[in-house]
Amino acid sequence: MGMASGNFGRKMYLNPDFGRKISESLKYKITEVIKICPKCNREFNVERKIDKRGNEIIYRKEKKYCCRKCSNSHTLTNITKDKISKKLNKKINIICLFCKKEFIGHKDRKFCNNKCARKYRTEISFNNLTKYNKYKKECQFNFSINKYINKFDFSLIKKYGWYKAKNRGDNMNGVSRDHIISINYGFKNNILPEIISHPANCQLLRHNENISKGKKCDLILEQLINKIKEWNHEYGEVV
């Protein structure tokens, strides 16, 4: 019983809050100061510390209003309102970083609209790519297969669906668009991106077949060029 009571007493006196209060009482004295609320003119008390020399310690975030209601409802003076409105409404002539058009706006603006901002960021990211990655991006298919119903096997899509990565739907056995003459072959042989990205160079394959094909080409360049000519004759030139 004696040991238990001794331990309990030791824990109580070793409480960090208790020790902090003792140390603060030795360093400072606490006094109350009367302040007047600038909103409702009511008096309220604020605690301040007095150091050993007798000087009051005033904190920057000291309570200014008597209650939350007064602090949330304080009104701005007309002079402050005018300063804020002038700052917000101050506009200057600016030249857009992307399209180089002149427009009127705030000094922090760099683009005339969001479209120019997106295009500028895309251009910057494109310029930082390697030669191969730039070529690869230019060779991506940018057409809808629905425009060329007779040229693609839509039954594959109905049966297997489109390929989706695990984090975007998880259909690893789905269908993807494949370059008949590969991007890698086009890059090594300096073939124009317009030829590699043409719809005539596109075929639908299941994703696992596309991976097993790798960098192989199912046509030679002369065959693809003839195919493009026939395609353009039937559908018009692809822009």
Protein backbone atom coordinates (compact mmCIF):
# COMPACT_ATOMS: atom_id res chain seq x y z
CA MET A 1 0.00 0.00 0.00
CA GLY A 2 2.87 2.31 0.86
CA MET A 3 4.60 1.74 -2.48
CA ALA A 4 1.41 2.36 -4.45
CA SER A 5 0.68 5.65 -2.73
CA GLY A 6 4.30 6.77 -3.22
CA ASN A 7 4.13 6.09 -6.98
CA PHE A 8 0.85 7.94 -7.34
CA GLY A 9 2.28 11.02 -5.62
CA ARG A 10 5.42 10.96 -7.78
CA LYS A 11 3.34 10.86 -10.99
CA MET A 12 1.28 13.81 -9.87
CA TYR A 13 4.33 16.02 -9.17
CA LEU A 14 6.08 14.94 -12.39
CA ASN A 15 3.14 16.12 -14.52
CA PRO A 16 4.71 18.35 -17.29
CA ASP A 17 1.84 20.88 -17.15
CA PHE A 18 2.31 21.25 -13.42
CA GLY A 19 6.04 21.89 -13.87
CA ARG A 20 5.41 24.40 -16.67
CA LYS A 21 3.00 26.39 -14.53
CA ILE A 22 5.55 26.59 -11.70
CA SER A 23 8.34 27.75 -14.06
CA GLU A 24 6.08 30.39 -15.63
CA SER A 25 5.02 31.69 -12.22
CA LEU A 26 8.68 32.18 -11.32
CA LYS A 27 9.45 34.08 -14.56
CA TYR A 28 6.28 36.14 -15.00
CA LYS A 29 3.38 37.62 -13.11
CA ILE A 30 -0.06 37.59 -14.69
CA THR A 31 -2.28 40.66 -14.52
CA GLU A 32 -5.57 41.63 -16.14
CA VAL A 33 -5.94 44.70 -18.37
CA ILE A 34 -9.26 46.34 -19.28
CA LYS A 35 -9.80 46.90 -23.00
CA ILE A 36 -12.72 48.42 -24.96
CA CYS A 37 -14.24 46.53 -27.87
CA PRO A 38 -13.99 48.71 -31.05
CA LYS A 39 -17.31 47.29 -32.28
CA CYS A 40 -19.72 47.48 -29.33
CA ASN A 41 -17.68 49.73 -26.93
CA ARG A 42 -18.06 47.16 -24.16
CA GLU A 43 -15.27 46.65 -21.62
CA PHE A 44 -13.60 43.24 -21.32
CA ASN A 45 -10.54 41.84 -19.53
CA VAL A 46 -7.35 40.60 -21.19
CA GLU A 47 -4.61 38.69 -19.38
CA ARG A 48 -1.06 39.99 -19.78
CA LYS A 49 2.26 38.82 -18.35
CA ILE A 50 4.62 41.12 -16.46
CA ASP A 51 8.32 40.24 -16.52
CA LYS A 52 10.82 40.67 -13.66
CA ARG A 53 11.49 44.27 -14.70
CA GLY A 54 7.79 45.15 -14.46
CA ASN A 55 7.20 45.49 -18.22
CA GLU A 56 3.98 44.19 -19.76
CA ILE A 57 4.36 41.58 -22.50
CA ILE A 58 1.84 42.27 -25.29
CA TYR A 59 1.35 39.57 -27.93
CA ARG A 60 0.55 40.41 -31.57
CA LYS A 61 -2.48 38.11 -31.59
CA GLU A 62 -3.95 39.56 -28.41
CA LYS A 63 -7.73 39.60 -28.22
CA LYS A 64 -9.06 42.73 -29.93
CA TYR A 65 -12.85 42.19 -29.71
CA CYS A 66 -14.93 41.14 -26.75
CA CYS A 67 -16.53 38.16 -28.53
CA ARG A 68 -16.58 36.24 -31.82
CA LYS A 69 -19.75 38.01 -32.95
CA CYS A 70 -18.04 41.42 -32.80
CA SER A 71 -14.87 40.17 -34.50
CA ASN A 72 -16.84 38.67 -37.41
CA SER A 73 -19.02 41.74 -37.91
CA HIS A 74 -16.40 44.50 -37.93
CA THR A 75 -16.83 46.94 -40.81
CA LEU A 76 -14.15 48.32 -43.11
CA THR A 77 -13.68 52.05 -43.33
CA ASN A 78 -14.42 53.83 -46.62
CA ILE A 79 -10.71 54.59 -47.07
CA THR A 80 -9.80 50.89 -46.75
CA LYS A 81 -12.61 49.94 -49.14
CA ASP A 82 -11.36 52.43 -51.73
CA LYS A 83 -7.80 51.08 -51.46
CA ILE A 84 -8.98 47.50 -51.95
CA SER A 85 -11.24 48.35 -54.90
CA LYS A 86 -8.49 50.38 -56.63
CA LYS A 87 -6.05 47.50 -56.22
CA LEU A 88 -8.54 44.97 -57.59
CA ASN A 89 -9.71 47.15 -60.48
CA LYS A 90 -6.26 48.33 -61.56
CA LYS A 91 -5.70 46.93 -65.07
CA ILE A 92 -2.88 47.37 -67.55
CA ASN A 93 -2.09 46.41 -71.16
CA ILE A 94 -0.53 42.93 -71.30
CA ILE A 95 0.80 40.84 -74.22
CA CYS A 96 -0.27 37.17 -74.09
CA LEU A 97 2.73 34.81 -73.77
CA PHE A 98 1.25 32.32 -76.25
CA CYS A 99 -0.66 34.16 -79.02
CA LYS A 100 1.14 37.53 -78.55
CA LYS A 101 -2.19 39.40 -78.59
CA GLU A 102 -2.53 42.51 -76.45
CA PHE A 103 -5.29 42.51 -73.82
CA ILE A 104 -6.27 44.49 -70.72
CA GLY A 105 -5.95 42.73 -67.38
CA HIS A 106 -4.33 42.65 -63.95
CA LYS A 107 -0.53 42.79 -63.84
CA ASP A 108 -0.24 39.16 -62.63
CA ARG A 109 -1.98 37.75 -65.73
CA LYS A 110 0.18 36.22 -68.48
CA PHE A 111 -2.42 34.79 -70.89
CA CYS A 112 -5.49 36.27 -72.55
CA ASN A 113 -7.58 33.14 -71.81
CA ASN A 114 -7.37 29.60 -70.39
CA LYS A 115 -7.00 28.04 -73.85
CA CYS A 116 -3.76 29.95 -74.47
CA ALA A 117 -2.49 28.98 -71.00
CA ARG A 118 -3.12 25.25 -71.69
CA LYS A 119 -1.50 25.43 -75.14
CA TYR A 120 1.54 27.23 -73.71
CA ARG A 121 2.02 24.58 -71.00
CA THR A 122 1.61 21.80 -73.58
CA GLU A 123 4.18 23.45 -75.84
CA ILE A 124 6.68 23.82 -72.99
CA SER A 125 6.28 20.18 -71.94
CA PHE A 126 6.60 19.06 -75.60
CA ASN A 127 9.85 21.03 -76.05
CA ASN A 128 11.36 19.25 -73.04
CA LEU A 129 10.81 15.77 -74.58
CA THR A 130 13.50 13.72 -76.32
CA LYS A 131 13.49 13.49 -80.14
CA TYR A 132 11.94 10.03 -80.06
CA ASN A 133 9.20 11.02 -77.60
CA LYS A 134 8.38 14.12 -79.69
CA TYR A 135 8.09 11.92 -82.78
CA LYS A 136 6.00 9.36 -80.84
CA LYS A 137 3.58 12.08 -79.73
CA GLU A 138 3.23 13.40 -83.31
CA CYS A 139 2.49 9.86 -84.55
CA GLN A 140 -0.50 9.25 -82.23
CA PHE A 141 -3.85 8.56 -83.93
CA ASN A 142 -6.12 11.64 -83.73
CA PHE A 143 -9.15 10.39 -85.66
CA SER A 144 -12.42 8.67 -84.74
CA ILE A 145 -12.86 5.14 -86.12
CA ASN A 146 -16.63 5.79 -86.31
CA LYS A 147 -15.95 7.88 -89.45
CA TYR A 148 -14.65 4.77 -91.23
CA ILE A 149 -17.14 2.03 -90.37
CA ASN A 150 -16.17 -0.18 -93.35
CA LYS A 151 -12.46 -0.14 -92.54
CA PHE A 152 -12.40 -1.56 -89.01
CA ASP A 153 -13.68 -4.75 -87.33
CA PHE A 154 -16.19 -3.42 -84.77
CA SER A 155 -17.16 -6.97 -83.75
CA LEU A 156 -13.88 -7.20 -81.83
CA ILE A 157 -14.85 -4.16 -79.74
CA LYS A 158 -18.34 -5.58 -79.06
CA LYS A 159 -16.82 -8.88 -77.93
CA TYR A 160 -13.84 -7.70 -75.87
CA GLY A 161 -14.39 -3.96 -75.29
CA TRP A 162 -11.67 -1.34 -75.36
CA TYR A 163 -8.40 -1.96 -73.54
CA LYS A 164 -8.23 -0.27 -70.12
CA ALA A 165 -5.31 -0.27 -67.70
CA LYS A 166 -5.79 -1.67 -64.19
CA ASN A 167 -6.11 1.79 -62.67
CA ARG A 168 -8.60 2.92 -65.37
CA GLY A 169 -11.17 0.15 -65.60
CA ASP A 170 -9.00 -3.01 -65.69
CA ASN A 171 -9.78 -4.57 -69.10
CA MET A 172 -6.36 -5.97 -69.98
CA ASN A 173 -7.77 -8.24 -72.72
CA GLY A 174 -9.56 -5.39 -74.51
CA VAL A 175 -8.95 -3.95 -77.98
CA SER A 176 -6.43 -1.19 -78.76
CA ARG A 177 -5.41 0.71 -81.91
CA ASP A 178 -2.12 -0.52 -83.38
CA HIS A 179 0.29 1.07 -85.88
CA ILE A 180 0.70 -1.37 -88.82
CA ILE A 181 4.12 0.17 -89.53
CA SER A 182 5.47 0.82 -86.04
CA ILE A 183 6.46 4.21 -84.61
CA ASN A 184 9.91 2.82 -83.85
CA TYR A 185 10.46 1.85 -87.53
CA GLY A 186 9.18 5.24 -88.67
CA PHE A 187 11.58 7.08 -86.35
CA LYS A 188 14.62 5.04 -87.44
CA ASN A 189 13.80 5.50 -91.13
CA ASN A 190 12.82 9.21 -90.98
CA ILE A 191 9.23 8.58 -92.11
CA LEU A 192 6.94 11.60 -91.77
CA PRO A 193 4.62 11.49 -88.72
CA GLU A 194 1.66 12.25 -91.08
CA ILE A 195 2.21 8.83 -92.70
CA ILE A 196 2.57 6.86 -89.44
CA SER A 197 -0.48 8.57 -87.86
CA HIS A 198 -2.70 8.13 -90.96
CA PRO A 199 -5.89 6.03 -90.46
CA ALA A 200 -4.63 3.68 -93.22
CA ASN A 201 -1.80 2.69 -90.86
CA CYS A 202 -4.22 1.71 -88.10
CA GLN A 203 -5.59 -1.71 -87.20
CA LEU A 204 -7.56 -3.04 -84.22
CA LEU A 205 -5.84 -5.71 -82.12
CA ARG A 206 -6.41 -7.23 -78.72
CA HIS A 207 -3.95 -5.79 -76.27
CA ASN A 208 -2.03 -9.04 -75.67
CA GLU A 209 -1.60 -9.48 -79.47
CA ASN A 210 -0.42 -5.88 -79.73
CA ILE A 211 2.22 -6.49 -77.05
CA SER A 212 3.43 -9.78 -78.62
CA LYS A 213 3.75 -8.02 -81.99
CA GLY A 214 6.22 -5.54 -80.46
CA LYS A 215 8.07 -3.44 -83.07
CA LYS A 216 7.24 -5.68 -86.04
CA CYS A 217 5.63 -4.17 -89.16
CA ASP A 218 2.79 -5.88 -91.05
CA LEU A 219 3.36 -3.81 -94.22
CA ILE A 220 6.28 -2.33 -96.08
CA LEU A 221 6.40 1.44 -96.68
CA GLU A 222 5.47 1.23 -100.41
CA GLN A 223 2.34 -0.79 -99.55
CA LEU A 224 1.30 1.73 -96.90
CA ILE A 225 1.76 4.70 -99.27
CA ASN A 226 -0.47 3.00 -101.88
CA LYS A 227 -3.02 2.26 -99.17
CA ILE A 228 -3.00 5.93 -98.08
CA LYS A 229 -3.58 7.06 -101.69
CA GLU A 230 -6.60 4.74 -102.01
CA TRP A 231 -7.90 5.90 -98.61
CA ASN A 232 -7.60 9.59 -99.53
CA HIS A 233 -9.28 8.95 -102.87
CA GLU A 234 -12.25 7.32 -101.09
CA TYR A 235 -12.59 9.63 -98.03
CA GLY A 236 -10.58 12.74 -98.92
CA GLU A 237 -7.34 13.85 -97.35
CA VAL A 238 -7.07 13.43 -93.57
CA VAL A 239 -6.27 16.70 -91.83
